[in-house]
Amino acid sequence: MQKIVRFLCIIAAFLCVLLGVIGIVLPILPTTPFLLLAAILFARGSEYFHRWFLSTRLYKKYIESFVQTKAMTKKEKCSALSMITVLLGIGFIFSPVWYAKALIIVIAVAHYIYISFRIKTVKPSEKEISSIENKKTEKIMT
């Protein structure tokens, strides 16, 4: 059973990577959440694939700085909230059931609260400096 779960995690992670790559080209599909989910699924499914994914340019360009600093720039927050609004708005418009619409509103509000108040906002220059410091600390520890 454990092997089946690990295999399914790996398959799902590759699917998330594919959706993340498609999201780079299509602005309606968010890239970062899919790549973060892929990292989590790879970690659960296979240490080999997890190490491989962490070494890819895709990971380093789109999510490494967020994972290391736990912070976003104002532009990144606005972009994330815009995508969330568009995607949940589409779901809200096409949902025929009132309780599904209510659930979508609750999810949207939770996203706005979490991104606005729980994720630290930094200037782009602060994020780069913090990311460099984290890399140095990581190298020293290994």
Foldseek 3Di string as FASTA:
>chain_A
DLLVLLVVLQVQLVVLCVQLVVCVVDVLRHNVVSNVSSLVSCVSRDPVVNVVSCPDPSCVVRPLLCVQPLAEAPVVLVSVLVSLCVVLVVVLVPDPDPVSNVVSVVVSVVSCCCSVPVRHHDHPVVSVVSSVVSVVVVVVVD
